[in-house]
Amino acid sequence: MTRVSKIAEAPPYAVETALKRLGANIRTARLRRGLRLDELAAKIGLSRFALSDVEKGKPTTGIAAYVGALWALGLLGDMETVASPDRDEEGKTLEAARRPKTAHGSRKLDNEF
């Protein structure tokens, strides 16, 4: 039997909310395109039950299912900015704080031969 990770069993509220919002957005996009659940599922290569789990925002559903749904709906381009290093202000600040403050000073040469 496969063990479920702790984050999937009891995700933090922010994670649970983000997944539900993403699932609802995928559902809205599917409905706007006039696609049935089984039509979109077939395009991605999922069962309709797995796609239903995506639309519900279930944390046990693999990320490939979410990204596959976005691809099939033509919405994958937005994924390029997710966790982009260029948009990670906190990471850039921490990296800058670890950099040396000054360049290494030049050593005096000893003229003794």
PDB file of N, CA and C in Angstrom:
ATOM      1  N   MET A   1       0.837  -1.173   0.000  1.00  0.00           N
ATOM      2  CA  MET A   1       0.000   0.000   0.000  1.00  0.00           C
ATOM      3  C   MET A   1       0.886   1.243   0.000  1.00  0.00           C
ATOM      4  N   THR A   2       0.546   2.206  -0.812  1.00  0.00           N
ATOM      5  CA  THR A   2       1.317   3.426  -0.917  1.00  0.00           C
ATOM      6  C   THR A   2       1.027   4.333   0.265  1.00  0.00           C
ATOM      7  N   ARG A   3       2.086   4.851   0.853  1.00  0.00           N
ATOM      8  CA  ARG A   3       1.911   5.784   1.969  1.00  0.00           C
ATOM      9  C   ARG A   3       1.643   7.174   1.426  1.00  0.00           C
ATOM     10  N   VAL A   4       0.740   7.873   2.059  1.00  0.00           N
ATOM     11  CA  VAL A   4       0.420   9.242   1.676  1.00  0.00           C
ATOM     12  C   VAL A   4       1.308  10.174   2.492  1.00  0.00           C
ATOM     13  N   SER A   5       1.889  11.161   1.846  1.00  0.00           N
ATOM     14  CA  SER A   5       2.772  12.093   2.543  1.00  0.00           C
ATOM     15  C   SER A   5       1.980  12.935   3.529  1.00  0.00           C
ATOM     16  N   LYS A   6       2.684  13.493   4.491  1.00  0.00           N
ATOM     17  CA  LYS A   6       2.029  14.307   5.510  1.00  0.00           C
ATOM     18  C   LYS A   6       1.362  15.536   4.898  1.00  0.00           C
ATOM     19  N   ILE A   7       2.004  16.139   3.897  1.00  0.00           N
ATOM     20  CA  ILE A   7       1.425  17.335   3.295  1.00  0.00           C
ATOM     21  C   ILE A   7       0.155  17.005   2.511  1.00  0.00           C
ATOM     22  N   ALA A   8       0.068  15.785   1.999  1.00  0.00           N
ATOM     23  CA  ALA A   8      -1.142  15.371   1.285  1.00  0.00           C
ATOM     24  C   ALA A   8      -2.262  15.006   2.263  1.00  0.00           C
ATOM     25  N   GLU A   9      -1.892  14.441   3.418  1.00  0.00           N
ATOM     26  CA  GLU A   9      -2.896  14.077   4.419  1.00  0.00           C
ATOM     27  C   GLU A   9      -3.514  15.300   5.080  1.00  0.00           C
ATOM     28  N   ALA A  10      -2.666  16.252   5.421  1.00  0.00           N
ATOM     29  CA  ALA A  10      -3.136  17.452   6.123  1.00  0.00           C
ATOM     30  C   ALA A  10      -2.341  18.657   5.631  1.00  0.00           C
ATOM     31  N   PRO A  11      -2.670  19.128   4.426  1.00  0.00           N
ATOM     32  CA  PRO A  11      -1.898  20.259   3.884  1.00  0.00           C
ATOM     33  C   PRO A  11      -2.159  21.546   4.669  1.00  0.00           C
ATOM     34  N   PRO A  12      -1.167  22.439   4.724  1.00  0.00           N
ATOM     35  CA  PRO A  12      -1.408  23.741   5.339  1.00  0.00           C
ATOM     36  C   PRO A  12      -2.559  24.446   4.606  1.00  0.00           C
ATOM     37  N   TYR A  13      -3.248  25.300   5.314  1.00  0.00           N
ATOM     38  CA  TYR A  13      -4.419  25.974   4.759  1.00  0.00           C
ATOM     39  C   TYR A  13      -4.099  26.667   3.432  1.00  0.00           C
ATOM     40  N   ALA A  14      -2.960  27.349   3.364  1.00  0.00           N
ATOM     41  CA  ALA A  14      -2.589  28.067   2.131  1.00  0.00           C
ATOM     42  C   ALA A  14      -2.413  27.105   0.963  1.00  0.00           C
ATOM     43  N   VAL A  15      -1.836  25.936   1.210  1.00  0.00           N
ATOM     44  CA  VAL A  15      -1.643  24.932   0.155  1.00  0.00           C
ATOM     45  C   VAL A  15      -2.992  24.381  -0.292  1.00  0.00           C
ATOM     46  N   GLU A  16      -3.832  24.048   0.667  1.00  0.00           N
ATOM     47  CA  GLU A  16      -5.153  23.514   0.354  1.00  0.00           C
ATOM     48  C   GLU A  16      -5.975  24.526  -0.451  1.00  0.00           C
ATOM     49  N   THR A  17      -5.923  25.768  -0.059  1.00  0.00           N
ATOM     50  CA  THR A  17      -6.660  26.819  -0.749  1.00  0.00           C
ATOM     51  C   THR A  17      -6.146  27.018  -2.173  1.00  0.00           C
ATOM     52  N   ALA A  18      -4.829  27.020  -2.336  1.00  0.00           N
ATOM     53  CA  ALA A  18      -4.242  27.203  -3.668  1.00  0.00           C
ATOM     54  C   ALA A  18      -4.624  26.053  -4.598  1.00  0.00           C
ATOM     55  N   LEU A  19      -4.599  24.828  -4.092  1.00  0.00           N
ATOM     56  CA  LEU A  19      -4.973  23.671  -4.908  1.00  0.00           C
ATOM     57  C   LEU A  19      -6.450  23.724  -5.305  1.00  0.00           C
ATOM     58  N   LYS A  20      -7.291  24.096  -4.370  1.00  0.00           N
ATOM     59  CA  LYS A  20      -8.726  24.192  -4.686  1.00  0.00           C
ATOM     60  C   LYS A  20      -8.988  25.289  -5.710  1.00  0.00           C
ATOM     61  N   ARG A  21      -8.284  26.405  -5.585  1.00  0.00           N
ATOM     62  CA  ARG A  21      -8.431  27.495  -6.542  1.00  0.00           C
ATOM     63  C   ARG A  21      -7.953  27.062  -7.931  1.00  0.00           C
ATOM     64  N   LEU A  22      -6.806  26.373  -7.976  1.00  0.00           N
ATOM     65  CA  LEU A  22      -6.291  25.887  -9.252  1.00  0.00           C
ATOM     66  C   LEU A  22      -7.264  24.898  -9.879  1.00  0.00           C
ATOM     67  N   GLY A  23      -7.779  23.981  -9.084  1.00  0.00           N
ATOM     68  CA  GLY A  23      -8.746  23.011  -9.595  1.00  0.00           C
ATOM     69  C   GLY A  23     -10.003  23.683 -10.119  1.00  0.00           C
ATOM     70  N   ALA A  24     -10.496  24.666  -9.390  1.00  0.00           N
ATOM     71  CA  ALA A  24     -11.693  25.395  -9.829  1.00  0.00           C
ATOM     72  C   ALA A  24     -11.419  26.160 -11.114  1.00  0.00           C
ATOM     73  N   ASN A  25     -10.225  26.729 -11.230  1.00  0.00           N
ATOM     74  CA  ASN A  25      -9.860  27.440 -12.459  1.00  0.00           C
ATOM     75  C   ASN A  25      -9.792  26.499 -13.654  1.00  0.00           C
ATOM     76  N   ILE A  26      -9.245  25.310 -13.438  1.00  0.00           N
ATOM     77  CA  ILE A  26      -9.178  24.311 -14.510  1.00  0.00           C
ATOM     78  C   ILE A  26     -10.591  23.901 -14.924  1.00  0.00           C
ATOM     79  N   ARG A  27     -11.455  23.699 -13.942  1.00  0.00           N
ATOM     80  CA  ARG A  27     -12.851  23.339 -14.245  1.00  0.00           C
ATOM     81  C   ARG A  27     -13.538  24.439 -15.049  1.00  0.00           C
ATOM     82  N   THR A  28     -13.370  25.678 -14.634  1.00  0.00           N
ATOM     83  CA  THR A  28     -13.981  26.803 -15.349  1.00  0.00           C
ATOM     84  C   THR A  28     -13.480  26.868 -16.784  1.00  0.00           C
ATOM     85  N   ALA A  29     -12.178  26.685 -16.980  1.00  0.00           N
ATOM     86  CA  ALA A  29     -11.606  26.716 -18.331  1.00  0.00           C
ATOM     87  C   ALA A  29     -12.162  25.581 -19.188  1.00  0.00           C
ATOM     88  N   ARG A  30     -12.312  24.400 -18.593  1.00  0.00           N
ATOM     89  CA  ARG A  30     -12.868  23.262 -19.329  1.00  0.00           C
ATOM     90  C   ARG A  30     -14.307  23.545 -19.748  1.00  0.00           C
ATOM     91  N   LEU A  31     -15.095  24.053 -18.826  1.00  0.00           N
ATOM     92  CA  LEU A  31     -16.504  24.341 -19.124  1.00  0.00           C
ATOM     93  C   LEU A  31     -16.641  25.446 -20.166  1.00  0.00           C
ATOM     94  N   ARG A  32     -15.805  26.459 -20.093  1.00  0.00           N
ATOM     95  CA  ARG A  32     -15.850  27.535 -21.079  1.00  0.00           C
ATOM     96  C   ARG A  32     -15.539  27.020 -22.476  1.00  0.00           C
ATOM     97  N   ARG A  33     -14.729  25.987 -22.551  1.00  0.00           N
ATOM     98  CA  ARG A  33     -14.375  25.414 -23.854  1.00  0.00           C
ATOM     99  C   ARG A  33     -15.394  24.373 -24.312  1.00  0.00           C
ATOM    100  N   GLY A  34     -16.382  24.120 -23.496  1.00  0.00           N
ATOM    101  CA  GLY A  34     -17.431  23.176 -23.848  1.00  0.00           C
ATOM    102  C   GLY A  34     -16.968  21.735 -23.862  1.00  0.00           C
ATOM    103  N   LEU A  35     -15.955  21.430 -23.058  1.00  0.00           N
ATOM    104  CA  LEU A  35     -15.424  20.063 -23.005  1.00  0.00           C
ATOM    105  C   LEU A  35     -16.056  19.297 -21.856  1.00  0.00           C
ATOM    106  N   ARG A  36     -16.379  18.048 -22.116  1.00  0.00           N
ATOM    107  CA  ARG A  36     -16.842  17.164 -21.052  1.00  0.00           C
ATOM    108  C   ARG A  36     -15.627  16.649 -20.292  1.00  0.00           C
ATOM    109  N   LEU A  37     -15.863  16.229 -19.086  1.00  0.00           N
ATOM    110  CA  LEU A  37     -14.800  15.717 -18.232  1.00  0.00           C
ATOM    111  C   LEU A  37     -14.042  14.587 -18.918  1.00  0.00           C
ATOM    112  N   ASP A  38     -14.766  13.647 -19.507  1.00  0.00           N
ATOM    113  CA  ASP A  38     -14.100  12.502 -20.137  1.00  0.00           C
ATOM    114  C   ASP A  38     -13.336  12.907 -21.398  1.00  0.00           C
ATOM    115  N   GLU A  39     -13.763  13.959 -22.098  1.00  0.00           N
ATOM    116  CA  GLU A  39     -13.045  14.432 -23.289  1.00  0.00           C
ATOM    117  C   GLU A  39     -11.679  15.002 -22.912  1.00  0.00           C
ATOM    118  N   LEU A  40     -11.674  15.861 -21.905  1.00  0.00           N
ATOM    119  CA  LEU A  40     -10.399  16.446 -21.474  1.00  0.00           C
ATOM    120  C   LEU A  40      -9.501  15.378 -20.863  1.00  0.00           C
ATOM    121  N   ALA A  41     -10.081  14.477 -20.088  1.00  0.00           N
ATOM    122  CA  ALA A  41      -9.300  13.400 -19.476  1.00  0.00           C
ATOM    123  C   ALA A  41      -8.620  12.542 -20.545  1.00  0.00           C
ATOM    124  N   ALA A  42      -9.348  12.231 -21.614  1.00  0.00           N
ATOM    125  CA  ALA A  42      -8.776  11.422 -22.697  1.00  0.00           C
ATOM    126  C   ALA A  42      -7.627  12.161 -23.378  1.00  0.00           C
ATOM    127  N   LYS A  43      -7.761  13.461 -23.541  1.00  0.00           N
ATOM    128  CA  LYS A  43      -6.706  14.259 -24.192  1.00  0.00           C
ATOM    129  C   LYS A  43      -5.419  14.245 -23.374  1.00  0.00           C
ATOM    130  N   ILE A  44      -5.567  14.217 -22.054  1.00  0.00           N
ATOM    131  CA  ILE A  44      -4.401  14.211 -21.168  1.00  0.00           C
ATOM    132  C   ILE A  44      -3.877  12.800 -20.936  1.00  0.00           C
ATOM    133  N   GLY A  45      -4.752  11.814 -21.047  1.00  0.00           N
ATOM    134  CA  GLY A  45      -4.363  10.441 -20.761  1.00  0.00           C
ATOM    135  C   GLY A  45      -4.667  10.055 -19.324  1.00  0.00           C
ATOM    136  N   LEU A  46      -5.684  10.687 -18.751  1.00  0.00           N
ATOM    137  CA  LEU A  46      -6.114  10.382 -17.382  1.00  0.00           C
ATOM    138  C   LEU A  46      -7.487   9.739 -17.405  1.00  0.00           C
ATOM    139  N   SER A  47      -7.851   9.151 -16.292  1.00  0.00           N
ATOM    140  CA  SER A  47      -9.236   8.709 -16.141  1.00  0.00           C
ATOM    141  C   SER A  47     -10.070   9.936 -15.788  1.00  0.00           C
ATOM    142  N   ARG A  48     -11.367   9.837 -16.003  1.00  0.00           N
ATOM    143  CA  ARG A  48     -12.220  10.982 -15.647  1.00  0.00           C
ATOM    144  C   ARG A  48     -12.244  11.182 -14.142  1.00  0.00           C
ATOM    145  N   PHE A  49     -11.991  10.109 -13.389  1.00  0.00           N
ATOM    146  CA  PHE A  49     -11.947  10.217 -11.936  1.00  0.00           C
ATOM    147  C   PHE A  49     -10.721  11.013 -11.487  1.00  0.00           C
ATOM    148  N   ALA A  50      -9.586  10.782 -12.142  1.00  0.00           N
ATOM    149  CA  ALA A  50      -8.368  11.524 -11.807  1.00  0.00           C
ATOM    150  C   ALA A  50      -8.530  12.998 -12.161  1.00  0.00           C
ATOM    151  N   LEU A  51      -9.140  13.274 -13.319  1.00  0.00           N
ATOM    152  CA  LEU A  51      -9.368  14.664 -13.702  1.00  0.00           C
ATOM    153  C   LEU A  51     -10.360  15.323 -12.744  1.00  0.00           C
ATOM    154  N   SER A  52     -11.331  14.584 -12.285  1.00  0.00           N
ATOM    155  CA  SER A  52     -12.268  15.098 -11.289  1.00  0.00           C
ATOM    156  C   SER A  52     -11.528  15.485 -10.007  1.00  0.00           C
ATOM    157  N   ASP A  53     -10.540  14.664  -9.612  1.00  0.00           N
ATOM    158  CA  ASP A  53      -9.727  14.978  -8.441  1.00  0.00           C
ATOM    159  C   ASP A  53      -8.923  16.263  -8.659  1.00  0.00           C
ATOM    160  N   VAL A  54      -8.433  16.469  -9.882  1.00  0.00           N
ATOM    161  CA  VAL A  54      -7.723  17.707 -10.220  1.00  0.00           C
ATOM    162  C   VAL A  54      -8.657  18.883 -10.007  1.00  0.00           C
ATOM    163  N   GLU A  55      -9.847  18.782 -10.541  1.00  0.00           N
ATOM    164  CA  GLU A  55     -10.801  19.888 -10.452  1.00  0.00           C
ATOM    165  C   GLU A  55     -11.265  20.146  -9.025  1.00  0.00           C
ATOM    166  N   LYS A  56     -11.157  19.138  -8.167  1.00  0.00           N
ATOM    167  CA  LYS A  56     -11.499  19.318  -6.752  1.00  0.00           C
ATOM    168  C   LYS A  56     -10.312  19.858  -5.961  1.00  0.00           C
ATOM    169  N   GLY A  57      -9.134  19.850  -6.579  1.00  0.00           N
ATOM    170  CA  GLY A  57      -7.939  20.340  -5.895  1.00  0.00           C
ATOM    171  C   GLY A  57      -7.405  19.390  -4.856  1.00  0.00           C
ATOM    172  N   LYS A  58      -7.548  18.091  -5.090  1.00  0.00           N
ATOM    173  CA  LYS A  58      -7.084  17.107  -4.109  1.00  0.00           C
ATOM    174  C   LYS A  58      -5.554  17.106  -4.029  1.00  0.00           C
ATOM    175  N   PRO A  59      -5.016  17.175  -2.823  1.00  0.00           N
ATOM    176  CA  PRO A  59      -3.560  17.230  -2.668  1.00  0.00           C
ATOM    177  C   PRO A  59      -2.848  15.912  -2.982  1.00  0.00           C
ATOM    178  N   THR A  60      -3.575  14.804  -3.063  1.00  0.00           N
ATOM    179  CA  THR A  60      -2.950  13.521  -3.378  1.00  0.00           C
ATOM    180  C   THR A  60      -2.789  13.306  -4.883  1.00  0.00           C
ATOM    181  N   THR A  61      -3.353  14.204  -5.678  1.00  0.00           N
ATOM    182  CA  THR A  61      -3.244  14.088  -7.135  1.00  0.00           C
ATOM    183  C   THR A  61      -1.891  14.637  -7.570  1.00  0.00           C
ATOM    184  N   GLY A  62      -1.221  13.902  -8.459  1.00  0.00           N
ATOM    185  CA  GLY A  62       0.110  14.292  -8.903  1.00  0.00           C
ATOM    186  C   GLY A  62       0.123  15.600  -9.675  1.00  0.00           C
ATOM    187  N   ILE A  63       1.234  16.299  -9.576  1.00  0.00           N
ATOM    188  CA  ILE A  63       1.364  17.587 -10.255  1.00  0.00           C
ATOM    189  C   ILE A  63       1.288  17.428 -11.768  1.00  0.00           C
ATOM    190  N   ALA A  64       1.697  16.280 -12.283  1.00  0.00           N
ATOM    191  CA  ALA A  64       1.627  16.051 -13.730  1.00  0.00           C
ATOM    192  C   ALA A  64       0.185  16.113 -14.221  1.00  0.00           C
ATOM    193  N   ALA A  65      -0.755  15.700 -13.400  1.00  0.00           N
ATOM    194  CA  ALA A  65      -2.168  15.765 -13.782  1.00  0.00           C
ATOM    195  C   ALA A  65      -2.627  17.219 -13.877  1.00  0.00           C
ATOM    196  N   TYR A  66      -2.219  18.039 -12.928  1.00  0.00           N
ATOM    197  CA  TYR A  66      -2.560  19.457 -12.955  1.00  0.00           C
ATOM    198  C   TYR A  66      -1.924  20.148 -14.173  1.00  0.00           C
ATOM    199  N   VAL A  67      -0.642  19.916 -14.370  1.00  0.00           N
ATOM    200  CA  VAL A  67       0.076  20.549 -15.481  1.00  0.00           C
ATOM    201  C   VAL A  67      -0.445  20.018 -16.818  1.00  0.00           C
ATOM    202  N   GLY A  68      -0.777  18.743 -16.874  1.00  0.00           N
ATOM    203  CA  GLY A  68      -1.357  18.176 -18.092  1.00  0.00           C
ATOM    204  C   GLY A  68      -2.683  18.827 -18.443  1.00  0.00           C
ATOM    205  N   ALA A  69      -3.498  19.090 -17.443  1.00  0.00           N
ATOM    206  CA  ALA A  69      -4.777  19.764 -17.683  1.00  0.00           C
ATOM    207  C   ALA A  69      -4.546  21.178 -18.196  1.00  0.00           C
ATOM    208  N   LEU A  70      -3.595  21.874 -17.603  1.00  0.00           N
ATOM    209  CA  LEU A  70      -3.276  23.225 -18.070  1.00  0.00           C
ATOM    210  C   LEU A  70      -2.791  23.198 -19.517  1.00  0.00           C
ATOM    211  N   TRP A  71      -1.954  22.212 -19.844  1.00  0.00           N
ATOM    212  CA  TRP A  71      -1.459  22.074 -21.219  1.00  0.00           C
ATOM    213  C   TRP A  71      -2.607  21.840 -22.194  1.00  0.00           C
ATOM    214  N   ALA A  72      -3.481  20.918 -21.847  1.00  0.00           N
ATOM    215  CA  ALA A  72      -4.590  20.561 -22.734  1.00  0.00           C
ATOM    216  C   ALA A  72      -5.546  21.734 -22.940  1.00  0.00           C
ATOM    217  N   LEU A  73      -5.600  22.637 -21.973  1.00  0.00           N
ATOM    218  CA  LEU A  73      -6.481  23.794 -22.070  1.00  0.00           C
ATOM    219  C   LEU A  73      -5.778  25.021 -22.662  1.00  0.00           C
ATOM    220  N   GLY A  74      -4.500  24.866 -23.000  1.00  0.00           N
ATOM    221  CA  GLY A  74      -3.744  25.977 -23.575  1.00  0.00           C
ATOM    222  C   GLY A  74      -3.330  27.022 -22.552  1.00  0.00           C
ATOM    223  N   LEU A  75      -3.215  26.619 -21.307  1.00  0.00           N
ATOM    224  CA  LEU A  75      -2.883  27.555 -20.233  1.00  0.00           C
ATOM    225  C   LEU A  75      -1.515  27.288 -19.608  1.00  0.00           C
ATOM    226  N   LEU A  76      -0.706  26.494 -20.263  1.00  0.00           N
ATOM    227  CA  LEU A  76       0.578  26.096 -19.687  1.00  0.00           C
ATOM    228  C   LEU A  76       1.587  27.238 -19.637  1.00  0.00           C
ATOM    229  N   GLY A  77       1.445  28.232 -20.499  1.00  0.00           N
ATOM    230  CA  GLY A  77       2.407  29.339 -20.534  1.00  0.00           C
ATOM    231  C   GLY A  77       2.571  30.044 -19.201  1.00  0.00           C
ATOM    232  N   ASP A  78       1.517  30.096 -18.420  1.00  0.00           N
ATOM    233  CA  ASP A  78       1.587  30.755 -17.116  1.00  0.00           C
ATOM    234  C   ASP A  78       2.488  30.012 -16.131  1.00  0.00           C
ATOM    235  N   MET A  79       2.779  28.761 -16.378  1.00  0.00           N
ATOM    236  CA  MET A  79       3.613  27.979 -15.466  1.00  0.00           C
ATOM    237  C   MET A  79       5.071  28.449 -15.483  1.00  0.00           C
ATOM    238  N   GLU A  80       5.466  29.168 -16.518  1.00  0.00           N
ATOM    239  CA  GLU A  80       6.850  29.635 -16.604  1.00  0.00           C
ATOM    240  C   GLU A  80       7.214  30.576 -15.464  1.00  0.00           C
ATOM    241  N   THR A  81       6.241  31.273 -14.925  1.00  0.00           N
ATOM    242  CA  THR A  81       6.531  32.224 -13.865  1.00  0.00           C
ATOM    243  C   THR A  81       6.403  31.621 -12.463  1.00  0.00           C
ATOM    244  N   VAL A  82       5.888  30.420 -12.361  1.00  0.00           N
ATOM    245  CA  VAL A  82       5.757  29.775 -11.054  1.00  0.00           C
ATOM    246  C   VAL A  82       7.152  29.459 -10.523  1.00  0.00           C
ATOM    247  N   ALA A  83       7.450  29.954  -9.355  1.00  0.00           N
ATOM    248  CA  ALA A  83       8.742  29.748  -8.687  1.00  0.00           C
ATOM    249  C   ALA A  83       9.928  30.237  -9.519  1.00  0.00           C
ATOM    250  N   SER A  84       9.711  31.229 -10.353  1.00  0.00           N
ATOM    251  CA  SER A  84      10.793  31.779 -11.168  1.00  0.00           C
ATOM    252  C   SER A  84      11.858  32.419 -10.273  1.00  0.00           C
ATOM    253  N   PRO A  85      13.123  32.087 -10.475  1.00  0.00           N
ATOM    254  CA  PRO A  85      14.184  32.700  -9.666  1.00  0.00           C
ATOM    255  C   PRO A  85      14.217  34.227  -9.803  1.00  0.00           C
ATOM    256  N   ASP A  86      13.791  34.735 -10.938  1.00  0.00           N
ATOM    257  CA  ASP A  86      13.783  36.179 -11.143  1.00  0.00           C
ATOM    258  C   ASP A  86      12.738  36.881 -10.282  1.00  0.00           C
ATOM    259  N   ARG A  87      11.687  36.174  -9.887  1.00  0.00           N
ATOM    260  CA  ARG A  87      10.625  36.762  -9.079  1.00  0.00           C
ATOM    261  C   ARG A  87      10.768  36.440  -7.593  1.00  0.00           C
ATOM    262  N   ASP A  88      11.803  35.710  -7.223  1.00  0.00           N
ATOM    263  CA  ASP A  88      12.024  35.286  -5.842  1.00  0.00           C
ATOM    264  C   ASP A  88      12.785  36.370  -5.074  1.00  0.00           C
ATOM    265  N   GLU A  89      12.060  37.379  -4.624  1.00  0.00           N
ATOM    266  CA  GLU A  89      12.692  38.505  -3.934  1.00  0.00           C
ATOM    267  C   GLU A  89      13.361  38.079  -2.632  1.00  0.00           C
ATOM    268  N   GLU A  90      12.719  37.222  -1.873  1.00  0.00           N
ATOM    269  CA  GLU A  90      13.312  36.771  -0.610  1.00  0.00           C
ATOM    270  C   GLU A  90      14.607  35.999  -0.868  1.00  0.00           C
ATOM    271  N   GLY A  91      14.585  35.107  -1.854  1.00  0.00           N
ATOM    272  CA  GLY A  91      15.783  34.341  -2.184  1.00  0.00           C
ATOM    273  C   GLY A  91      16.924  35.229  -2.648  1.00  0.00           C
ATOM    274  N   LYS A  92      16.603  36.233  -3.461  1.00  0.00           N
ATOM    275  CA  LYS A  92      17.638  37.153  -3.949  1.00  0.00           C
ATOM    276  C   LYS A  92      18.225  37.966  -2.799  1.00  0.00           C
ATOM    277  N   THR A  93      17.383  38.361  -1.848  1.00  0.00           N
ATOM    278  CA  THR A  93      17.863  39.120  -0.692  1.00  0.00           C
ATOM    279  C   THR A  93      18.787  38.266   0.169  1.00  0.00           C
ATOM    280  N   LEU A  94      18.404  37.019   0.410  1.00  0.00           N
ATOM    281  CA  LEU A  94      19.244  36.121   1.207  1.00  0.00           C
ATOM    282  C   LEU A  94      20.563  35.831   0.511  1.00  0.00           C
ATOM    283  N   GLU A  95      20.521  35.651  -0.796  1.00  0.00           N
ATOM    284  CA  GLU A  95      21.746  35.404  -1.559  1.00  0.00           C
ATOM    285  C   GLU A  95      22.681  36.598  -1.480  1.00  0.00           C
ATOM    286  N   ALA A  96      22.125  37.793  -1.610  1.00  0.00           N
ATOM    287  CA  ALA A  96      22.936  39.007  -1.546  1.00  0.00           C
ATOM    288  C   ALA A  96      23.556  39.178  -0.164  1.00  0.00           C
ATOM    289  N   ALA A  97      22.848  38.781   0.882  1.00  0.00           N
ATOM    290  CA  ALA A  97      23.368  38.907   2.244  1.00  0.00           C
ATOM    291  C   ALA A  97      24.545  37.975   2.489  1.00  0.00           C
ATOM    292  N   ARG A  98      24.606  36.865   1.777  1.00  0.00           N
ATOM    293  CA  ARG A  98      25.707  35.903   1.948  1.00  0.00           C
ATOM    294  C   ARG A  98      26.944  36.273   1.146  1.00  0.00           C
ATOM    295  N   ARG A  99      26.802  37.162   0.198  1.00  0.00           N
ATOM    296  CA  ARG A  99      27.962  37.536  -0.631  1.00  0.00           C
ATOM    297  C   ARG A  99      28.980  38.305   0.208  1.00  0.00           C
ATOM    298  N   PRO A 100      30.244  38.162  -0.140  1.00  0.00           N
ATOM    299  CA  PRO A 100      31.264  38.956   0.563  1.00  0.00           C
ATOM    300  C   PRO A 100      30.974  40.444   0.378  1.00  0.00           C
ATOM    301  N   LYS A 101      31.189  41.205   1.461  1.00  0.00           N
ATOM    302  CA  LYS A 101      30.905  42.643   1.406  1.00  0.00           C
ATOM    303  C   LYS A 101      31.961  43.405   0.603  1.00  0.00           C
ATOM    304  N   THR A 102      33.193  42.951   0.658  1.00  0.00           N
ATOM    305  CA  THR A 102      34.267  43.624  -0.081  1.00  0.00           C
ATOM    306  C   THR A 102      35.086  42.587  -0.821  1.00  0.00           C
ATOM    307  N   ALA A 103      35.786  43.073  -1.789  1.00  0.00           N
ATOM    308  CA  ALA A 103      36.686  42.183  -2.526  1.00  0.00           C
ATOM    309  C   ALA A 103      37.885  41.879  -1.638  1.00  0.00           C
ATOM    310  N   HIS A 104      38.492  40.761  -1.869  1.00  0.00           N
ATOM    311  CA  HIS A 104      39.684  40.419  -1.097  1.00  0.00           C
ATOM    312  C   HIS A 104      40.756  41.467  -1.378  1.00  0.00           C
ATOM    313  N   GLY A 105      41.376  41.944  -0.315  1.00  0.00           N
ATOM    314  CA  GLY A 105      42.427  42.961  -0.467  1.00  0.00           C
ATOM    315  C   GLY A 105      43.654  42.346  -1.119  1.00  0.00           C
ATOM    316  N   SER A 106      44.396  43.191  -1.791  1.00  0.00           N
ATOM    317  CA  SER A 106      45.610  42.685  -2.430  1.00  0.00           C
ATOM    318  C   SER A 106      46.672  42.479  -1.368  1.00  0.00           C
ATOM    319  N   ARG A 107      47.464  41.502  -1.537  1.00  0.00           N
ATOM    320  CA  ARG A 107      48.532  41.213  -0.588  1.00  0.00           C
ATOM    321  C   ARG A 107      49.736  42.073  -0.941  1.00  0.00           C
ATOM    322  N   LYS A 108      50.395  42.518   0.098  1.00  0.00           N
ATOM    323  CA  LYS A 108      51.626  43.276  -0.137  1.00  0.00           C
ATOM    324  C   LYS A 108      52.695  42.290  -0.568  1.00  0.00           C
ATOM    325  N   LEU A 109      53.425  42.694  -1.567  1.00  0.00           N
ATOM    326  CA  LEU A 109      54.516  41.844  -2.020  1.00  0.00           C
ATOM    327  C   LEU A 109      55.748  42.102  -1.165  1.00  0.00           C
ATOM    328  N   ASP A 110      56.397  41.056  -0.872  1.00  0.00           N
ATOM    329  CA  ASP A 110      57.616  41.161  -0.108  1.00  0.00           C
ATOM    330  C   ASP A 110      58.759  41.309  -1.098  1.00  0.00           C
ATOM    331  N   ASN A 111      59.498  42.381  -0.984  1.00  0.00           N
ATOM    332  CA  ASN A 111      60.575  42.640  -1.948  1.00  0.00           C
ATOM    333  C   ASN A 111      61.853  41.961  -1.552  1.00  0.00           C
ATOM    334  N   GLU A 112      61.843  41.141  -0.548  1.00  0.00           N
ATOM    335  CA  GLU A 112      63.074  40.461  -0.153  1.00  0.00           C
ATOM    336  C   GLU A 112      63.289  39.267  -1.051  1.00  0.00           C
ATOM    337  N   PHE A 113      64.468  39.224  -1.607  1.00  0.00           N
ATOM    338  CA  PHE A 113      64.816  38.105  -2.483  1.00  0.00           C
ATOM    339  C   PHE A 113      65.761  37.192  -1.809  1.00  0.00           C
TER     340      PHE A 113
END
